[in-house]
Amino acid sequence: MSERPAAVMSQTVTPAESPAAPAKAGNRRTFAIISHPDAGKTTLTEKLLLMGGAIHLAGEVKARGERRRARSDWMAIEQKRGISVTTSVMTFGYRDLVFNLLDTPGHEDFSEDTYRTLTAVDSAVMVIDAAKGIEAQTRKLLEVCRLRDVPITTFINKMDREGRDPFELVDEIAETLALDPVPLTWPAGMGGDFAGCYDLLGDRFLPFVATGTGGAGGEGEPLAYGGVEDPELAERLGAERHDALVEAVGLAREACPPFDRQSYNEGHMTPVFFGSALRGFGVRTLLDGLVESAPPPRSQPAEPRAVAPDEKQVTGFVFKVQANMDKNHRDRIAFVRLCSGRFKRGMKLKQIDTGKTLGVNNPIFFFAQDRALAEEAYPGDIIGVPNHGTLRVGDTLSEGEALRFTGIPNFAPEILRRIVLDDPMKAKHLRRALEDLAEEGVTQVFRPISGSDWIVGVVGQLQLDVLATRVTGEYGVKLRVEAAPYATARWVTAKSPAELKRFTDKVGSQCAEDRDGSLVFLARNAWDLGRMRDDWPELQFHATKERHGAAEAA
């Protein structure tokens, strides 16, 4: 068994001791975990960190009260509700590789943050509950991955509980997600009868050990056999369970295509692993599978050309901004995905949108809320750049060439609400709070052309709860969220500035500006939006907006 390097939590990380020490982008594996809420995503995250030596004791995800503290969930509202509502980044080492794990929000109300996170990864692990199968949020996230051809590895979780037939689950992946599933392990039993999994590639049996949830237990040492029909395996499992496994493995090998790395890398095929994240079973096998198959950093779409990871000049893009990770310092961190070159602390990079040069003197590596100073980093790595509002989501940083990374849009909100301030003397504090949280993607903020109240737009109700909690807790501002007479928003553009002015003069009571000063139409309902589109044919009403302009009319 190979030695697993531990994550570094020292104040300063030097190249020799950093988890980012290997000097080649090919040593990086940057991936996200996606799932429907409660499928076990946060638990799997903890166990992967445990396997990588980054933590010594996994938290109990289902523990009660103050005992519930998943390492990736650092906000008070996350700890209270037991869900992830923001993206965390965790770096750890395993088998001489550097893994950058992005733990995305599992709740559908935070799909926009999840989408932006998926622009920064090279592959994803899809977690499926064995009892529930593929659920709504899983389908949505898979479609987001498909937009960028992100390779998917599947982990069917909770095999130590009663669930659906494994063949039914595999068939559902093929039929519902249009992926070619290739089981690489197969379960022997389920629930109270669960004995472990058979490794279809290595002809090994991975025995399940019924241990507690707090340690690394759950999977015993792999046992090598001369094939699934080996008499010694039959003796271990018992005749009935062994006969069922032999039949299932035979059917799986006959019905499913062999694993094809190219098809997987193109996003058409998914290797399937079975296990129990809570019990730590199958997690090491999954991680070994990522070592063998998950792609290293890929080329990133940009204008005027794509950027390859082996290019010498440093480039990267901001996919997330997080304020107040450290409440004591009122910090503001831009999460930057490095795309090419060898980054060194202190180097100067150009912010392409403004043309200004930024000295990156205190870049950091992340471990959820913990951090360490990054001396150097490579393509695929995620570094944090402290700044005071200089960097925004979608910004490109470049050592030289004027490139712009693309495909990081904002989406039209589905819920619009009016923000009313309890204390008018704190109007400036409210503005700062709303703009900070809008920059993070918690909400979108619109300032009506006529009227003084802010309008916030969100995808789901939970975002409003997070907004109110954080504005009060982090900025000391009390507010009320009230109903607004609008159902959705669209960004408005036109070839003629005169036509835009005529539009705002006519329907200014339903117009607002976003934080960039772009014109937004606030529609009362779908009919209202359709009528405006018919009445103003020279205008375009956009459902998404790229960092550098509107993207898609809808």
Protein backbone atom coordinates (compact mmCIF):
# COMPACT_ATOMS: atom_id res chain seq x y z
CA MET A 1 0.00 0.00 0.00
CA SER A 2 1.48 3.36 -1.03
CA GLU A 3 2.28 6.10 1.42
CA ARG A 4 -0.23 8.94 1.41
CA PRO A 5 1.17 12.45 1.92
CA ALA A 6 -0.76 14.59 4.35
CA ALA A 7 -2.14 17.99 3.47
CA VAL A 8 0.00 20.86 4.68
CA MET A 9 -1.56 23.22 7.18
CA SER A 10 1.54 25.23 8.09
CA GLN A 11 1.58 29.01 7.90
CA THR A 12 3.90 29.06 4.87
CA VAL A 13 4.04 26.32 2.25
CA THR A 14 7.36 25.84 0.48
CA PRO A 15 7.64 23.90 -2.78
CA ALA A 16 9.34 20.98 -1.07
CA GLU A 17 6.64 20.43 1.51
CA SER A 18 3.58 21.69 -0.34
CA PRO A 19 0.92 19.31 -1.65
CA ALA A 20 1.44 21.32 -4.86
CA ALA A 21 5.14 20.46 -5.05
CA PRO A 22 5.20 18.23 -8.20
CA ALA A 23 6.26 20.54 -11.01
CA LYS A 24 4.03 19.19 -13.74
CA ALA A 25 0.40 19.89 -14.50
CA GLY A 26 0.03 16.18 -15.26
CA ASN A 27 0.25 15.49 -11.53
CA ARG A 28 -2.94 17.43 -10.82
CA ARG A 29 -6.45 16.02 -10.59
CA THR A 30 -8.99 18.81 -10.12
CA PHE A 31 -12.51 17.51 -9.61
CA ALA A 32 -15.88 18.28 -8.05
CA ILE A 33 -18.43 16.10 -6.29
CA ILE A 34 -22.00 16.52 -7.50
CA SER A 35 -25.21 14.99 -6.18
CA HIS A 36 -28.76 15.56 -5.08
CA PRO A 37 -29.04 16.76 -1.46
CA ASP A 38 -28.63 13.97 1.14
CA ALA A 39 -27.04 11.51 -1.29
CA GLY A 40 -23.87 11.55 0.83
CA LYS A 41 -21.70 14.12 -0.92
CA THR A 42 -20.26 15.80 2.17
CA THR A 43 -19.65 12.43 3.85
CA LEU A 44 -17.78 11.20 0.78
CA THR A 45 -15.73 14.41 0.80
CA GLU A 46 -14.66 13.76 4.38
CA LYS A 47 -13.68 10.17 3.66
CA LEU A 48 -11.66 11.16 0.59
CA LEU A 49 -9.77 13.65 2.74
CA LEU A 50 -9.26 10.91 5.31
CA MET A 51 -7.86 8.54 2.68
CA GLY A 52 -5.57 11.32 1.47
CA GLY A 53 -4.22 11.87 4.97
CA ALA A 54 -5.61 15.41 5.07
CA ILE A 55 -7.65 14.77 8.22
CA HIS A 56 -7.33 12.14 10.92
CA LEU A 57 -10.96 11.71 11.90
CA ALA A 58 -13.98 12.06 9.68
CA GLY A 59 -16.87 14.09 11.08
CA GLU A 60 -20.23 12.47 11.72
CA VAL A 61 -22.49 13.98 9.06
CA LYS A 62 -25.66 12.85 10.77
CA ALA A 63 -24.53 13.78 14.28
CA ARG A 64 -26.75 15.92 16.46
CA GLY A 65 -26.42 19.55 17.48
CA GLU A 66 -22.91 20.90 17.97
CA ARG A 67 -21.35 17.56 16.99
CA ARG A 68 -22.28 18.17 13.36
CA ARG A 69 -19.21 19.82 11.84
CA ALA A 70 -18.29 18.73 8.33
CA ARG A 71 -14.92 20.25 7.50
CA SER A 72 -16.10 21.67 4.18
CA ASP A 73 -19.17 23.39 5.68
CA TRP A 74 -17.83 26.44 7.51
CA MET A 75 -20.76 28.89 7.46
CA ALA A 76 -23.02 29.02 10.51
CA ILE A 77 -26.10 28.39 8.38
CA GLU A 78 -24.41 25.35 6.83
CA GLN A 79 -23.56 23.91 10.22
CA LYS A 80 -27.07 24.60 11.51
CA ARG A 81 -28.92 23.07 8.55
CA GLY A 82 -26.42 20.30 7.76
CA ILE A 83 -26.15 21.22 4.08
CA SER A 84 -23.52 22.81 1.85
CA VAL A 85 -24.51 26.21 0.45
CA THR A 86 -21.15 27.46 -0.77
CA THR A 87 -18.21 26.01 -2.63
CA SER A 88 -15.21 24.84 -0.62
CA VAL A 89 -11.78 23.95 -1.98
CA MET A 90 -9.63 21.25 -0.42
CA THR A 91 -6.18 20.14 -1.56
CA PHE A 92 -4.65 16.82 -0.58
CA GLY A 93 -2.05 14.35 -1.84
CA TYR A 94 -2.52 10.71 -2.77
CA ARG A 95 -0.21 8.30 -4.61
CA ASP A 96 2.17 11.07 -5.71
CA LEU A 97 -0.65 13.12 -7.21
CA VAL A 98 -2.16 16.41 -6.06
CA PHE A 99 -5.96 16.38 -5.79
CA ASN A 100 -7.91 19.63 -5.76
CA LEU A 101 -11.41 18.77 -4.56
CA LEU A 102 -14.18 21.33 -5.02
CA ASP A 103 -17.13 20.52 -2.79
CA THR A 104 -20.10 22.16 -4.52
CA PRO A 105 -23.41 23.22 -2.96
CA GLY A 106 -25.79 20.27 -3.01
CA HIS A 107 -28.96 22.31 -2.71
CA GLU A 108 -30.62 23.25 -6.00
CA ASP A 109 -31.10 26.84 -4.85
CA PHE A 110 -27.37 27.35 -5.35
CA SER A 111 -27.10 25.98 -8.88
CA GLU A 112 -25.43 29.15 -10.18
CA ASP A 113 -22.51 28.82 -7.76
CA THR A 114 -22.29 25.14 -8.68
CA TYR A 115 -22.23 25.94 -12.40
CA ARG A 116 -19.34 28.38 -12.01
CA THR A 117 -17.46 25.84 -9.91
CA LEU A 118 -17.84 23.21 -12.62
CA THR A 119 -16.08 25.55 -15.06
CA ALA A 120 -12.97 25.17 -12.89
CA VAL A 121 -12.75 21.35 -12.76
CA ASP A 122 -11.46 18.70 -15.15
CA SER A 123 -13.73 15.87 -13.96
CA ALA A 124 -16.53 15.15 -11.50
CA VAL A 125 -17.71 12.39 -9.16
CA MET A 126 -21.47 11.85 -9.26
CA VAL A 127 -22.91 10.42 -6.03
CA ILE A 128 -26.15 8.45 -6.27
CA ASP A 129 -28.23 7.19 -3.34
CA ALA A 130 -28.72 3.44 -3.85
CA ALA A 131 -32.25 3.63 -2.49
CA LYS A 132 -33.40 6.70 -4.46
CA GLY A 133 -31.48 6.45 -7.71
CA ILE A 134 -31.08 9.48 -9.94
CA GLU A 135 -32.86 12.53 -8.55
CA ALA A 136 -33.73 15.93 -10.00
CA GLN A 137 -30.65 17.88 -8.94
CA THR A 138 -28.37 15.10 -10.18
CA ARG A 139 -29.90 15.39 -13.64
CA LYS A 140 -29.48 19.18 -13.66
CA LEU A 141 -25.85 19.03 -12.61
CA LEU A 142 -25.11 16.32 -15.13
CA GLU A 143 -26.45 18.58 -17.87
CA VAL A 144 -24.15 21.35 -16.68
CA CYS A 145 -21.20 18.96 -16.87
CA ARG A 146 -22.28 17.90 -20.34
CA LEU A 147 -22.08 21.51 -21.57
CA ARG A 148 -18.32 21.31 -21.02
CA ASP A 149 -17.88 17.56 -21.69
CA VAL A 150 -16.70 17.00 -18.12
CA PRO A 151 -15.83 13.32 -17.52
CA ILE A 152 -18.04 11.71 -14.86
CA THR A 153 -17.19 8.95 -12.39
CA THR A 154 -20.20 7.43 -10.58
CA PHE A 155 -20.27 6.36 -6.94
CA ILE A 156 -23.45 4.51 -5.92
CA ASN A 157 -23.65 5.16 -2.19
CA LYS A 158 -25.31 3.61 0.88
CA MET A 159 -24.96 -0.05 -0.14
CA ASP A 160 -24.93 -0.95 3.56
CA ARG A 161 -28.64 -0.02 3.57
CA GLU A 162 -31.52 -1.54 1.70
CA GLY A 163 -31.80 -0.06 -1.78
CA ARG A 164 -32.74 -0.72 -5.36
CA ASP A 165 -31.39 -3.54 -7.49
CA PRO A 166 -27.89 -2.63 -8.80
CA PHE A 167 -28.84 -3.51 -12.38
CA GLU A 168 -31.84 -1.21 -12.13
CA LEU A 169 -29.57 1.63 -10.99
CA VAL A 170 -27.06 1.01 -13.79
CA ASP A 171 -29.86 0.89 -16.37
CA GLU A 172 -31.23 4.18 -15.02
CA ILE A 173 -27.86 5.86 -15.56
CA ALA A 174 -27.90 4.74 -19.18
CA GLU A 175 -31.53 5.65 -19.87
CA THR A 176 -31.90 8.85 -17.85
CA LEU A 177 -28.48 10.43 -18.28
CA ALA A 178 -27.54 9.03 -21.72
CA LEU A 179 -24.21 7.80 -20.37
CA ASP A 180 -22.61 4.41 -20.97
CA PRO A 181 -22.18 2.97 -17.45
CA VAL A 182 -19.30 0.54 -16.91
CA PRO A 183 -19.32 -1.11 -13.45
CA LEU A 184 -15.78 -1.57 -12.16
CA THR A 185 -16.93 -3.07 -8.87
CA TRP A 186 -20.07 -5.10 -8.12
CA PRO A 187 -21.79 -5.49 -4.73
CA ALA A 188 -22.24 -8.83 -2.97
CA GLY A 189 -25.53 -8.38 -1.15
CA MET A 190 -27.13 -5.22 0.18
CA GLY A 191 -28.18 -3.71 3.50
CA GLY A 192 -27.74 -6.17 6.35
CA ASP A 193 -26.62 -8.81 3.83
CA PHE A 194 -23.90 -6.61 2.32
CA ALA A 195 -20.57 -8.45 2.33
CA GLY A 196 -18.47 -6.23 0.07
CA CYS A 197 -17.73 -5.70 -3.61
CA TYR A 198 -15.99 -7.66 -6.31
CA ASP A 199 -13.34 -5.77 -8.32
CA LEU A 200 -14.15 -6.65 -11.94
CA LEU A 201 -10.82 -5.44 -13.30
CA GLY A 202 -8.49 -6.79 -10.66
CA ASP A 203 -10.37 -10.02 -9.78
CA ARG A 204 -10.22 -9.08 -6.11
CA PHE A 205 -12.83 -9.08 -3.40
CA LEU A 206 -13.17 -5.99 -1.21
CA PRO A 207 -14.64 -7.21 2.09
CA PHE A 208 -17.02 -4.99 4.03
CA VAL A 209 -16.25 -4.67 7.73
CA ALA A 210 -19.15 -3.37 9.82
CA THR A 211 -17.34 -0.74 11.89
CA GLY A 212 -18.35 2.60 13.33
CA THR A 213 -18.54 5.75 11.26
CA GLY A 214 -15.76 7.75 12.87
CA GLY A 215 -12.64 6.00 11.54
CA ALA A 216 -11.21 4.73 8.29
CA GLY A 217 -12.75 1.31 8.77
CA GLY A 218 -15.43 -0.25 6.65
CA GLU A 219 -13.22 -1.94 4.08
CA GLY A 220 -10.86 -4.77 4.87
CA GLU A 221 -7.69 -5.62 2.93
CA PRO A 222 -8.46 -6.67 -0.67
CA LEU A 223 -8.41 -10.42 -1.25
CA ALA A 224 -7.08 -11.68 -4.59
CA TYR A 225 -8.84 -14.62 -6.24
CA GLY A 226 -8.48 -16.61 -9.43
CA GLY A 227 -11.79 -15.25 -10.67
CA VAL A 228 -15.29 -14.69 -9.33
CA GLU A 229 -15.96 -18.46 -9.34
CA ASP A 230 -12.97 -19.21 -7.08
CA PRO A 231 -14.03 -21.82 -4.44
CA GLU A 232 -12.31 -19.82 -1.70
CA LEU A 233 -14.55 -16.85 -2.47
CA ALA A 234 -17.57 -19.15 -2.41
CA GLU A 235 -16.52 -20.40 1.01
CA ARG A 236 -16.16 -16.85 2.27
CA LEU A 237 -19.52 -15.64 0.99
CA GLY A 238 -21.61 -18.75 1.38
CA ALA A 239 -23.17 -20.66 -1.49
CA GLU A 240 -26.31 -18.57 -1.99
CA ARG A 241 -24.65 -15.17 -1.91
CA HIS A 242 -21.74 -16.43 -4.03
CA ASP A 243 -24.05 -17.87 -6.70
CA ALA A 244 -25.87 -14.55 -6.91
CA LEU A 245 -22.57 -12.66 -7.26
CA VAL A 246 -21.28 -15.01 -10.00
CA GLU A 247 -24.48 -14.53 -11.99
CA ALA A 248 -24.50 -10.74 -11.51
CA VAL A 249 -20.83 -10.30 -12.46
CA GLY A 250 -21.36 -12.43 -15.57
CA LEU A 251 -24.36 -10.34 -16.63
CA ALA A 252 -22.55 -7.07 -15.92
CA ARG A 253 -19.56 -8.09 -18.01
CA GLU A 254 -21.78 -9.25 -20.85
CA ALA A 255 -24.24 -6.36 -20.86
CA CYS A 256 -21.83 -3.43 -20.33
CA PRO A 257 -19.07 -2.34 -22.71
CA PRO A 258 -15.44 -2.49 -21.59
CA PHE A 259 -14.06 0.67 -20.07
CA ASP A 260 -12.73 3.04 -22.74
CA ARG A 261 -10.61 5.91 -21.45
CA GLN A 262 -11.20 8.09 -24.51
CA SER A 263 -14.96 7.71 -24.30
CA TYR A 264 -14.79 8.58 -20.60
CA ASN A 265 -12.64 11.66 -21.23
CA GLU A 266 -15.11 12.84 -23.86
CA GLY A 267 -17.95 12.61 -21.33
CA HIS A 268 -19.77 9.66 -22.94
CA MET A 269 -18.87 6.83 -20.53
CA THR A 270 -18.92 6.65 -16.75
CA PRO A 271 -17.09 4.08 -14.60
CA VAL A 272 -19.34 2.94 -11.74
CA PHE A 273 -18.24 2.09 -8.19
CA PHE A 274 -20.41 0.84 -5.33
CA GLY A 275 -19.83 1.57 -1.66
CA SER A 276 -20.81 3.27 1.57
CA ALA A 277 -19.28 6.67 2.22
CA LEU A 278 -20.52 6.71 5.81
CA ARG A 279 -18.73 3.43 6.52
CA GLY A 280 -15.68 4.33 4.44
CA PHE A 281 -16.27 1.38 2.13
CA GLY A 282 -15.31 1.67 -1.54
CA VAL A 283 -13.82 5.14 -1.07
CA ARG A 284 -10.21 4.03 -1.55
CA THR A 285 -11.19 2.07 -4.65
CA LEU A 286 -12.92 5.18 -6.01
CA LEU A 287 -9.85 7.30 -5.28
CA ASP A 288 -7.59 4.72 -6.96
CA GLY A 289 -9.95 4.86 -9.94
CA LEU A 290 -9.52 8.63 -10.13
CA VAL A 291 -5.76 8.18 -10.05
CA GLU A 292 -5.91 5.79 -12.99
CA SER A 293 -8.58 7.49 -15.12
CA ALA A 294 -9.38 11.08 -14.15
CA PRO A 295 -7.81 13.50 -16.63
CA PRO A 296 -5.04 15.96 -15.78
CA PRO A 297 -5.67 19.66 -16.48
CA ARG A 298 -7.32 20.21 -19.84
CA SER A 299 -7.29 23.08 -22.32
CA GLN A 300 -9.59 25.91 -21.28
CA PRO A 301 -11.91 27.84 -23.64
CA ALA A 302 -10.86 31.44 -24.15
CA GLU A 303 -10.90 34.25 -26.67
CA PRO A 304 -9.25 34.57 -29.13
CA ARG A 305 -7.95 31.00 -28.59
CA ALA A 306 -8.05 28.10 -26.16
CA VAL A 307 -5.28 27.89 -23.54
CA ALA A 308 -3.31 24.64 -23.10
CA PRO A 309 -1.91 23.70 -19.68
CA ASP A 310 1.64 23.21 -21.01
CA GLU A 311 2.03 26.82 -22.12
CA LYS A 312 4.83 28.70 -20.36
CA GLN A 313 3.04 31.92 -19.48
CA VAL A 314 0.81 31.92 -16.42
CA THR A 315 -2.91 32.36 -16.99
CA GLY A 316 -5.96 31.79 -14.82
CA PHE A 317 -9.53 32.90 -14.25
CA VAL A 318 -11.64 33.88 -11.25
CA PHE A 319 -14.59 31.52 -10.82
CA LYS A 320 -15.64 32.54 -7.32
CA VAL A 321 -15.23 35.35 -4.81
CA GLN A 322 -15.80 34.76 -1.10
CA ALA A 323 -16.03 37.47 1.52
CA ASN A 324 -15.58 37.06 5.27
CA MET A 325 -14.19 33.52 5.38
CA ASP A 326 -12.20 34.91 8.30
CA LYS A 327 -14.56 37.20 10.22
CA ASN A 328 -11.69 38.66 12.24
CA HIS A 329 -10.01 40.12 9.16
CA ARG A 330 -12.99 40.98 6.90
CA ASP A 331 -11.15 39.29 4.07
CA ARG A 332 -12.19 39.00 0.44
CA ILE A 333 -10.72 36.10 -1.51
CA ALA A 334 -10.85 35.49 -5.25
CA PHE A 335 -10.68 31.78 -6.16
CA VAL A 336 -8.44 31.47 -9.22
CA ARG A 337 -8.17 28.36 -11.39
CA LEU A 338 -4.67 28.27 -12.88
CA CYS A 339 -4.76 27.22 -16.52
CA SER A 340 -1.13 27.41 -17.69
CA GLY A 341 2.42 28.21 -16.61
CA ARG A 342 4.29 27.92 -13.33
CA PHE A 343 2.95 30.42 -10.81
CA LYS A 344 5.27 31.80 -8.13
CA ARG A 345 4.35 33.91 -5.15
CA GLY A 346 5.05 37.58 -5.74
CA MET A 347 4.76 37.47 -9.52
CA LYS A 348 2.83 40.19 -11.31
CA LEU A 349 -0.19 39.33 -13.42
CA LYS A 350 -2.29 41.56 -15.63
CA GLN A 351 -6.01 41.88 -14.98
CA ILE A 352 -7.16 41.81 -18.59
CA ASP A 353 -10.42 43.76 -18.17
CA THR A 354 -8.80 46.78 -16.55
CA GLY A 355 -5.28 46.48 -17.97
CA LYS A 356 -3.91 46.94 -14.44
CA THR A 357 -1.03 44.87 -13.09
CA LEU A 358 -1.65 42.95 -9.88
CA GLY A 359 1.14 41.79 -7.60
CA VAL A 360 0.09 38.44 -6.13
CA ASN A 361 2.10 38.54 -2.92
CA ASN A 362 -0.02 36.45 -0.55
CA PRO A 363 -1.66 33.65 -2.56
CA ILE A 364 -3.12 30.84 -0.51
CA PHE A 365 -4.01 27.20 -0.76
CA PHE A 366 -7.30 26.14 0.81
CA PHE A 367 -8.47 23.45 3.12
CA ALA A 368 -12.10 24.48 3.59
CA GLN A 369 -11.79 27.46 5.99
CA ASP A 370 -8.12 26.78 6.77
CA ARG A 371 -5.44 28.15 4.52
CA ALA A 372 -1.68 28.14 3.90
CA LEU A 373 0.58 30.51 1.99
CA ALA A 374 1.30 29.17 -1.51
CA GLU A 375 4.86 29.60 -2.72
CA GLU A 376 4.14 28.12 -6.15
CA ALA A 377 1.32 26.47 -8.03
CA TYR A 378 0.63 24.83 -11.39
CA PRO A 379 -2.19 24.35 -13.91
CA GLY A 380 -5.16 22.70 -12.25
CA ASP A 381 -4.41 24.23 -8.86
CA ILE A 382 -6.86 26.56 -7.14
CA ILE A 383 -5.27 29.51 -5.36
CA GLY A 384 -6.88 32.25 -3.34
CA VAL A 385 -5.91 35.83 -4.09
CA PRO A 386 -6.79 38.29 -1.28
CA ASN A 387 -8.10 41.56 -2.69
CA HIS A 388 -10.39 44.45 -1.80
CA GLY A 389 -12.90 44.22 -4.61
CA THR A 390 -10.32 44.38 -7.40
CA LEU A 391 -11.05 40.90 -8.77
CA ARG A 392 -14.47 39.71 -9.86
CA VAL A 393 -16.00 36.48 -11.08
CA GLY A 394 -15.07 35.97 -14.74
CA ASP A 395 -11.86 38.03 -14.58
CA THR A 396 -8.83 36.72 -16.46
CA LEU A 397 -5.31 37.01 -15.05
CA SER A 398 -2.43 36.68 -17.49
CA GLU A 399 1.33 36.98 -17.37
CA GLY A 400 1.38 38.44 -20.86
CA GLU A 401 -1.10 37.74 -23.65
CA ALA A 402 -4.49 39.49 -23.60
CA LEU A 403 -6.78 36.47 -23.31
CA ARG A 404 -10.28 36.18 -21.89
CA PHE A 405 -11.59 32.91 -20.52
CA THR A 406 -15.21 32.32 -21.46
CA GLY A 407 -18.25 30.38 -20.28
CA ILE A 408 -18.81 31.83 -16.78
CA PRO A 409 -22.24 33.48 -17.03
CA ASN A 410 -24.81 34.89 -14.66
CA PHE A 411 -28.32 33.46 -14.95
CA ALA A 412 -31.65 35.27 -14.83
CA PRO A 413 -33.14 34.93 -11.31
CA GLU A 414 -36.42 33.12 -10.73
CA ILE A 415 -37.37 34.93 -7.51
CA LEU A 416 -37.23 38.73 -7.05
CA ARG A 417 -37.61 40.43 -3.68
CA ARG A 418 -37.44 43.98 -2.33
CA ILE A 419 -34.96 44.76 0.46
CA VAL A 420 -36.13 47.16 3.16
CA LEU A 421 -33.60 48.54 5.63
CA ASP A 422 -34.63 48.83 9.29
CA ASP A 423 -32.11 51.60 10.05
CA PRO A 424 -31.76 54.17 7.22
CA MET A 425 -28.44 55.31 8.72
CA LYS A 426 -26.89 52.01 7.61
CA ALA A 427 -27.62 52.43 3.90
CA LYS A 428 -23.91 52.38 3.01
CA HIS A 429 -23.38 49.19 5.04
CA LEU A 430 -26.33 47.58 3.26
CA ARG A 431 -24.96 48.53 -0.14
CA ARG A 432 -21.57 47.02 0.67
CA ALA A 433 -23.17 43.84 2.02
CA LEU A 434 -25.43 43.35 -1.00
CA GLU A 435 -22.64 44.02 -3.49
CA ASP A 436 -20.26 41.65 -1.67
CA LEU A 437 -22.81 38.84 -1.60
CA ALA A 438 -23.79 39.48 -5.21
CA GLU A 439 -20.13 39.14 -6.16
CA GLU A 440 -20.05 35.75 -4.46
CA GLY A 441 -23.15 34.62 -6.35
CA VAL A 442 -25.35 34.36 -3.27
CA THR A 443 -27.79 36.77 -4.92
CA GLN A 444 -28.01 39.17 -7.82
CA VAL A 445 -28.60 42.82 -7.02
CA PHE A 446 -30.56 45.34 -9.07
CA ARG A 447 -31.02 49.05 -8.39
CA PRO A 448 -34.29 50.34 -9.90
CA ILE A 449 -33.93 53.39 -12.13
CA SER A 450 -36.87 54.94 -10.30
CA GLY A 451 -37.01 54.14 -6.59
CA SER A 452 -34.54 53.76 -3.73
CA ASP A 453 -35.06 50.16 -2.55
CA TRP A 454 -32.71 47.41 -3.71
CA ILE A 455 -34.13 44.44 -5.59
CA VAL A 456 -32.42 41.08 -5.10
CA GLY A 457 -32.79 38.14 -7.44
CA VAL A 458 -32.24 34.50 -6.48
CA VAL A 459 -32.82 31.04 -7.91
CA GLY A 460 -34.35 29.60 -4.72
CA GLN A 461 -35.78 30.57 -1.33
CA LEU A 462 -32.80 29.24 0.63
CA GLN A 463 -30.59 31.92 -0.94
CA LEU A 464 -32.79 34.56 0.71
CA ASP A 465 -32.28 32.87 4.09
CA VAL A 466 -28.51 32.89 3.56
CA LEU A 467 -28.66 36.54 2.48
CA ALA A 468 -30.53 37.66 5.62
CA THR A 469 -28.35 35.55 7.93
CA ARG A 470 -25.06 36.79 6.52
CA VAL A 471 -26.02 40.46 6.19
CA THR A 472 -27.02 40.48 9.86
CA GLY A 473 -24.18 38.31 11.15
CA GLU A 474 -21.28 39.64 9.07
CA TYR A 475 -22.25 43.27 8.45
CA GLY A 476 -24.45 44.08 11.45
CA VAL A 477 -27.33 45.25 9.26
CA LYS A 478 -30.94 44.29 9.94
CA LEU A 479 -33.22 44.11 6.94
CA ARG A 480 -36.60 42.85 5.80
CA VAL A 481 -37.18 40.86 2.65
CA GLU A 482 -40.52 41.79 1.13
CA ALA A 483 -42.45 40.71 -1.95
CA ALA A 484 -41.68 42.58 -5.18
CA PRO A 485 -44.14 42.92 -8.10
CA TYR A 486 -41.77 41.10 -10.44
CA ALA A 487 -41.37 37.47 -11.47
CA THR A 488 -38.10 37.45 -13.40
CA ALA A 489 -35.43 39.67 -14.93
CA ARG A 490 -33.78 39.95 -18.35
CA TRP A 491 -30.71 41.86 -19.45
CA VAL A 492 -31.55 44.23 -22.29
CA THR A 493 -29.27 45.18 -25.19
CA ALA A 494 -29.73 46.92 -28.52
CA LYS A 495 -27.58 48.03 -31.44
CA SER A 496 -28.97 51.54 -31.12
CA PRO A 497 -28.33 53.48 -27.88
CA ALA A 498 -31.21 55.74 -28.86
CA GLU A 499 -33.59 52.78 -28.84
CA LEU A 500 -32.42 51.80 -25.35
CA LYS A 501 -33.04 55.33 -24.11
CA ARG A 502 -36.50 55.35 -25.68
CA PHE A 503 -37.20 52.04 -23.90
CA THR A 504 -36.13 53.32 -20.47
CA ASP A 505 -38.07 56.56 -20.98
CA LYS A 506 -41.19 54.53 -21.77
CA VAL A 507 -41.01 51.70 -19.20
CA GLY A 508 -38.49 53.07 -16.70
CA SER A 509 -40.63 51.97 -13.76
CA GLN A 510 -39.72 48.36 -14.64
CA CYS A 511 -36.07 48.99 -15.41
CA ALA A 512 -33.05 48.60 -13.18
CA GLU A 513 -29.27 48.39 -13.37
CA ASP A 514 -27.15 45.47 -12.18
CA ARG A 515 -23.88 45.99 -10.35
CA ASP A 516 -22.09 46.57 -13.68
CA GLY A 517 -24.52 49.26 -14.73
CA SER A 518 -26.11 46.99 -17.37
CA LEU A 519 -29.78 47.58 -18.16
CA VAL A 520 -32.22 45.02 -16.73
CA PHE A 521 -35.94 44.67 -17.41
CA LEU A 522 -38.00 43.45 -14.44
CA ALA A 523 -40.94 41.44 -15.80
CA ARG A 524 -44.14 40.98 -13.81
CA ASN A 525 -44.86 37.61 -15.44
CA ALA A 526 -44.18 35.59 -18.60
CA TRP A 527 -46.92 37.43 -20.50
CA ASP A 528 -45.37 40.78 -19.61
CA LEU A 529 -41.99 39.64 -20.89
CA GLY A 530 -43.50 38.33 -24.11
CA ARG A 531 -45.37 41.56 -24.70
CA MET A 532 -42.20 43.61 -24.30
CA ARG A 533 -40.39 41.37 -26.74
CA ASP A 534 -43.17 41.88 -29.29
CA ASP A 535 -43.44 45.64 -28.72
CA TRP A 536 -39.70 46.26 -28.91
CA PRO A 537 -38.37 44.02 -31.73
CA GLU A 538 -35.06 45.90 -31.97
CA LEU A 539 -34.18 44.99 -28.37
CA GLN A 540 -32.75 41.69 -27.15
CA PHE A 541 -33.84 40.26 -23.79
CA HIS A 542 -31.14 37.94 -22.41
CA ALA A 543 -31.56 35.08 -19.92
CA THR A 544 -27.82 34.88 -19.24
CA LYS A 545 -25.04 37.39 -19.12
CA GLU A 546 -21.34 36.75 -19.63
CA ARG A 547 -18.86 38.77 -17.61
CA HIS A 548 -18.23 40.84 -20.75
CA GLY A 549 -21.79 41.16 -22.00
CA ALA A 550 -25.15 39.42 -22.49
CA ALA A 551 -24.98 35.87 -23.77
CA GLU A 552 -28.27 34.26 -24.68
CA ALA A 553 -31.58 35.75 -25.67
CA ALA A 554 -34.60 34.12 -24.05
